[in-house]
Amino acid sequence: MSAPTPIGLVYAITQLTAAGKSAREIGQQLGISPRTVTRWRTKPVAEPAPETPATTWTDKALCRFDEPEVFFNDRYLGAARATCRTCPVRRQCLALALTAEGTLSKHNRYGVFGGLTPEERAARAQAS
């Protein structure tokens, strides 16, 4: 089975390509290889219809284009983090996860939110 393509990451690659960045520059910025940049540059990206304005911060999240498996399977941790790294609402996502999870242990937290794993969010919650 091949890994799902993280569409949010493809969207970021498309935007950076349009801004004139090279595959090497994009790879460095997103934490992926230039080869991956080149391979994913040609993937079609679904964008929201222009007549539909974003109404909440979740409408601006890059992960909305991705398969959920990317964020809930450790095999795709790098792809999930790369999508989160370029997401304009990363802070809001992380804040929501930390609030919702409260004092739960790392064993009761799931998925990547705001670029952090369950273990990283549990450690952050304990520190505060």
C-alpha atoms as a PDB file:
ATOM      1  CA  MET A   1       0.000   0.000   0.000  1.00  0.00           C
ATOM      2  CA  SER A   2       1.420   3.396  -0.902  1.00  0.00           C
ATOM      3  CA  ALA A   3       1.345   6.307   1.498  1.00  0.00           C
ATOM      4  CA  PRO A   4      -1.482   8.791   1.063  1.00  0.00           C
ATOM      5  CA  THR A   5      -0.383  12.032  -0.520  1.00  0.00           C
ATOM      6  CA  PRO A   6      -0.711  14.861   1.992  1.00  0.00           C
ATOM      7  CA  ILE A   7      -2.648  17.353  -0.098  1.00  0.00           C
ATOM      8  CA  GLY A   8      -1.935  20.210   2.320  1.00  0.00           C
ATOM      9  CA  LEU A   9       1.756  19.658   1.663  1.00  0.00           C
ATOM     10  CA  VAL A  10       1.146  19.562  -2.085  1.00  0.00           C
ATOM     11  CA  TYR A  11      -0.766  22.827  -1.727  1.00  0.00           C
ATOM     12  CA  ALA A  12       2.203  24.398   0.110  1.00  0.00           C
ATOM     13  CA  ILE A  13       4.577  23.123  -2.602  1.00  0.00           C
ATOM     14  CA  THR A  14       2.329  24.625  -5.268  1.00  0.00           C
ATOM     15  CA  GLN A  15       2.225  27.994  -3.492  1.00  0.00           C
ATOM     16  CA  LEU A  16       6.004  28.095  -2.987  1.00  0.00           C
ATOM     17  CA  THR A  17       6.581  27.066  -6.612  1.00  0.00           C
ATOM     18  CA  ALA A  18       4.322  29.903  -7.755  1.00  0.00           C
ATOM     19  CA  ALA A  19       6.434  32.237  -5.591  1.00  0.00           C
ATOM     20  CA  GLY A  20       9.485  31.220  -7.645  1.00  0.00           C
ATOM     21  CA  LYS A  21      11.193  28.917  -5.116  1.00  0.00           C
ATOM     22  CA  SER A  22      13.382  26.068  -6.380  1.00  0.00           C
ATOM     23  CA  ALA A  23      12.763  22.437  -5.429  1.00  0.00           C
ATOM     24  CA  ARG A  24      15.823  22.595  -3.156  1.00  0.00           C
ATOM     25  CA  GLU A  25      14.570  25.734  -1.381  1.00  0.00           C
ATOM     26  CA  ILE A  26      11.077  24.290  -0.977  1.00  0.00           C
ATOM     27  CA  GLY A  27      12.482  21.011   0.334  1.00  0.00           C
ATOM     28  CA  GLN A  28      14.565  22.824   2.920  1.00  0.00           C
ATOM     29  CA  GLN A  29      11.648  24.985   4.032  1.00  0.00           C
ATOM     30  CA  LEU A  30       9.212  22.074   4.334  1.00  0.00           C
ATOM     31  CA  GLY A  31      11.654  19.472   5.617  1.00  0.00           C
ATOM     32  CA  ILE A  32      11.284  17.121   2.647  1.00  0.00           C
ATOM     33  CA  SER A  33      13.606  16.068  -0.162  1.00  0.00           C
ATOM     34  CA  PRO A  34      13.813  18.028  -3.435  1.00  0.00           C
ATOM     35  CA  ARG A  35      12.864  14.773  -5.192  1.00  0.00           C
ATOM     36  CA  THR A  36       9.602  14.666  -3.226  1.00  0.00           C
ATOM     37  CA  VAL A  37       8.971  18.310  -4.125  1.00  0.00           C
ATOM     38  CA  THR A  38       9.450  17.523  -7.819  1.00  0.00           C
ATOM     39  CA  ARG A  39       7.231  14.427  -7.643  1.00  0.00           C
ATOM     40  CA  TRP A  40       4.396  16.199  -5.811  1.00  0.00           C
ATOM     41  CA  ARG A  41       4.489  19.413  -7.853  1.00  0.00           C
ATOM     42  CA  THR A  42       2.361  17.769 -10.512  1.00  0.00           C
ATOM     43  CA  LYS A  43      -0.401  16.525  -8.169  1.00  0.00           C
ATOM     44  CA  PRO A  44      -3.769  18.251  -8.632  1.00  0.00           C
ATOM     45  CA  VAL A  45      -4.866  20.298  -5.639  1.00  0.00           C
ATOM     46  CA  ALA A  46      -8.474  20.977  -4.714  1.00  0.00           C
ATOM     47  CA  GLU A  47      -8.928  24.499  -3.442  1.00  0.00           C
ATOM     48  CA  PRO A  48     -12.035  25.970  -1.849  1.00  0.00           C
ATOM     49  CA  ALA A  49     -14.358  27.737  -4.246  1.00  0.00           C
ATOM     50  CA  PRO A  50     -13.562  31.474  -4.359  1.00  0.00           C
ATOM     51  CA  GLU A  51     -17.175  32.384  -3.647  1.00  0.00           C
ATOM     52  CA  THR A  52     -17.061  30.454  -0.364  1.00  0.00           C
ATOM     53  CA  PRO A  53     -15.256  32.644   2.177  1.00  0.00           C
ATOM     54  CA  ALA A  54     -13.496  30.994   5.090  1.00  0.00           C
ATOM     55  CA  THR A  55     -15.701  31.452   8.143  1.00  0.00           C
ATOM     56  CA  THR A  56     -13.618  29.895  10.923  1.00  0.00           C
ATOM     57  CA  TRP A  57      -9.949  29.189  11.477  1.00  0.00           C
ATOM     58  CA  THR A  58     -10.530  25.507  10.664  1.00  0.00           C
ATOM     59  CA  ASP A  59     -11.535  26.524   7.136  1.00  0.00           C
ATOM     60  CA  LYS A  60      -7.973  27.805   6.679  1.00  0.00           C
ATOM     61  CA  ALA A  61      -6.252  24.627   7.944  1.00  0.00           C
ATOM     62  CA  LEU A  62      -4.068  22.915   5.330  1.00  0.00           C
ATOM     63  CA  CYS A  63      -4.888  19.482   6.759  1.00  0.00           C
ATOM     64  CA  ARG A  64      -8.451  19.779   5.481  1.00  0.00           C
ATOM     65  CA  PHE A  65      -7.083  18.621   2.116  1.00  0.00           C
ATOM     66  CA  ASP A  66      -5.334  15.540   3.558  1.00  0.00           C
ATOM     67  CA  GLU A  67      -6.370  12.017   4.337  1.00  0.00           C
ATOM     68  CA  PRO A  68      -6.901  11.720   8.125  1.00  0.00           C
ATOM     69  CA  GLU A  69      -4.525   8.742   8.138  1.00  0.00           C
ATOM     70  CA  VAL A  70      -1.628  11.150   7.583  1.00  0.00           C
ATOM     71  CA  PHE A  71      -2.232  12.632  11.062  1.00  0.00           C
ATOM     72  CA  PHE A  72      -3.190   9.453  12.924  1.00  0.00           C
ATOM     73  CA  ASN A  73      -0.545   6.968  11.753  1.00  0.00           C
ATOM     74  CA  ASP A  74       3.050   7.161  12.974  1.00  0.00           C
ATOM     75  CA  ARG A  75       4.285   6.022   9.545  1.00  0.00           C
ATOM     76  CA  TYR A  76       3.349   9.433   8.135  1.00  0.00           C
ATOM     77  CA  LEU A  77       4.619  11.599  11.000  1.00  0.00           C
ATOM     78  CA  GLY A  78       7.065  13.468   8.744  1.00  0.00           C
ATOM     79  CA  ALA A  79       4.343  14.322   6.234  1.00  0.00           C
ATOM     80  CA  ALA A  80       1.979  15.443   9.002  1.00  0.00           C
ATOM     81  CA  ARG A  81       4.637  17.681  10.543  1.00  0.00           C
ATOM     82  CA  ALA A  82       5.519  19.150   7.140  1.00  0.00           C
ATOM     83  CA  THR A  83       1.871  20.059   6.528  1.00  0.00           C
ATOM     84  CA  CYS A  84       1.559  21.584  10.005  1.00  0.00           C
ATOM     85  CA  ARG A  85       4.828  23.488   9.635  1.00  0.00           C
ATOM     86  CA  THR A  86       3.369  25.603   6.815  1.00  0.00           C
ATOM     87  CA  CYS A  87      -0.203  25.832   8.101  1.00  0.00           C
ATOM     88  CA  PRO A  88      -1.441  29.369   8.810  1.00  0.00           C
ATOM     89  CA  VAL A  89      -3.586  28.210  11.751  1.00  0.00           C
ATOM     90  CA  ARG A  90      -1.101  25.909  13.480  1.00  0.00           C
ATOM     91  CA  ARG A  91      -1.276  27.824  16.787  1.00  0.00           C
ATOM     92  CA  GLN A  92      -5.068  27.692  16.938  1.00  0.00           C
ATOM     93  CA  CYS A  93      -5.024  23.954  16.200  1.00  0.00           C
ATOM     94  CA  LEU A  94      -2.509  23.268  18.948  1.00  0.00           C
ATOM     95  CA  ALA A  95      -4.411  25.453  21.432  1.00  0.00           C
ATOM     96  CA  LEU A  96      -7.637  23.578  20.681  1.00  0.00           C
ATOM     97  CA  ALA A  97      -5.953  20.195  21.150  1.00  0.00           C
ATOM     98  CA  LEU A  98      -4.317  21.214  24.439  1.00  0.00           C
ATOM     99  CA  THR A  99      -7.596  22.615  25.770  1.00  0.00           C
ATOM    100  CA  ALA A 100      -9.650  19.604  24.683  1.00  0.00           C
ATOM    101  CA  GLU A 101      -7.149  17.081  26.043  1.00  0.00           C
ATOM    102  CA  GLY A 102      -6.684  18.885  29.359  1.00  0.00           C
ATOM    103  CA  THR A 103      -4.726  16.673  31.737  1.00  0.00           C
ATOM    104  CA  LEU A 104      -5.089  13.417  29.802  1.00  0.00           C
ATOM    105  CA  SER A 105      -2.058  11.134  29.757  1.00  0.00           C
ATOM    106  CA  LYS A 106      -0.101  10.610  26.552  1.00  0.00           C
ATOM    107  CA  HIS A 107      -1.864   7.249  26.202  1.00  0.00           C
ATOM    108  CA  ASN A 108      -5.228   8.993  25.859  1.00  0.00           C
ATOM    109  CA  ARG A 109      -4.143  11.520  23.231  1.00  0.00           C
ATOM    110  CA  TYR A 110      -4.192  10.730  19.535  1.00  0.00           C
ATOM    111  CA  GLY A 111      -2.909  12.195  16.288  1.00  0.00           C
ATOM    112  CA  VAL A 112      -0.739  15.115  15.279  1.00  0.00           C
ATOM    113  CA  PHE A 113      -2.216  18.530  16.090  1.00  0.00           C
ATOM    114  CA  GLY A 114      -0.348  21.776  15.597  1.00  0.00           C
ATOM    115  CA  GLY A 115       2.674  19.736  14.532  1.00  0.00           C
ATOM    116  CA  LEU A 116       3.005  17.955  17.897  1.00  0.00           C
ATOM    117  CA  THR A 117       2.619  14.259  18.714  1.00  0.00           C
ATOM    118  CA  PRO A 118       0.516  13.033  21.645  1.00  0.00           C
ATOM    119  CA  GLU A 119       3.684  12.615  23.730  1.00  0.00           C
ATOM    120  CA  GLU A 120       4.850  16.152  22.966  1.00  0.00           C
ATOM    121  CA  ARG A 121       1.447  17.611  23.831  1.00  0.00           C
ATOM    122  CA  ALA A 122       1.305  15.641  27.094  1.00  0.00           C
ATOM    123  CA  ALA A 123       4.753  16.950  28.055  1.00  0.00           C
ATOM    124  CA  ARG A 124       3.709  20.517  27.235  1.00  0.00           C
ATOM    125  CA  ALA A 125       0.525  20.137  29.314  1.00  0.00           C
ATOM    126  CA  GLN A 126       2.538  18.804  32.292  1.00  0.00           C
ATOM    127  CA  ALA A 127       5.023  21.665  32.036  1.00  0.00           C
ATOM    128  CA  SER A 128       2.297  24.304  32.296  1.00  0.00           C
END
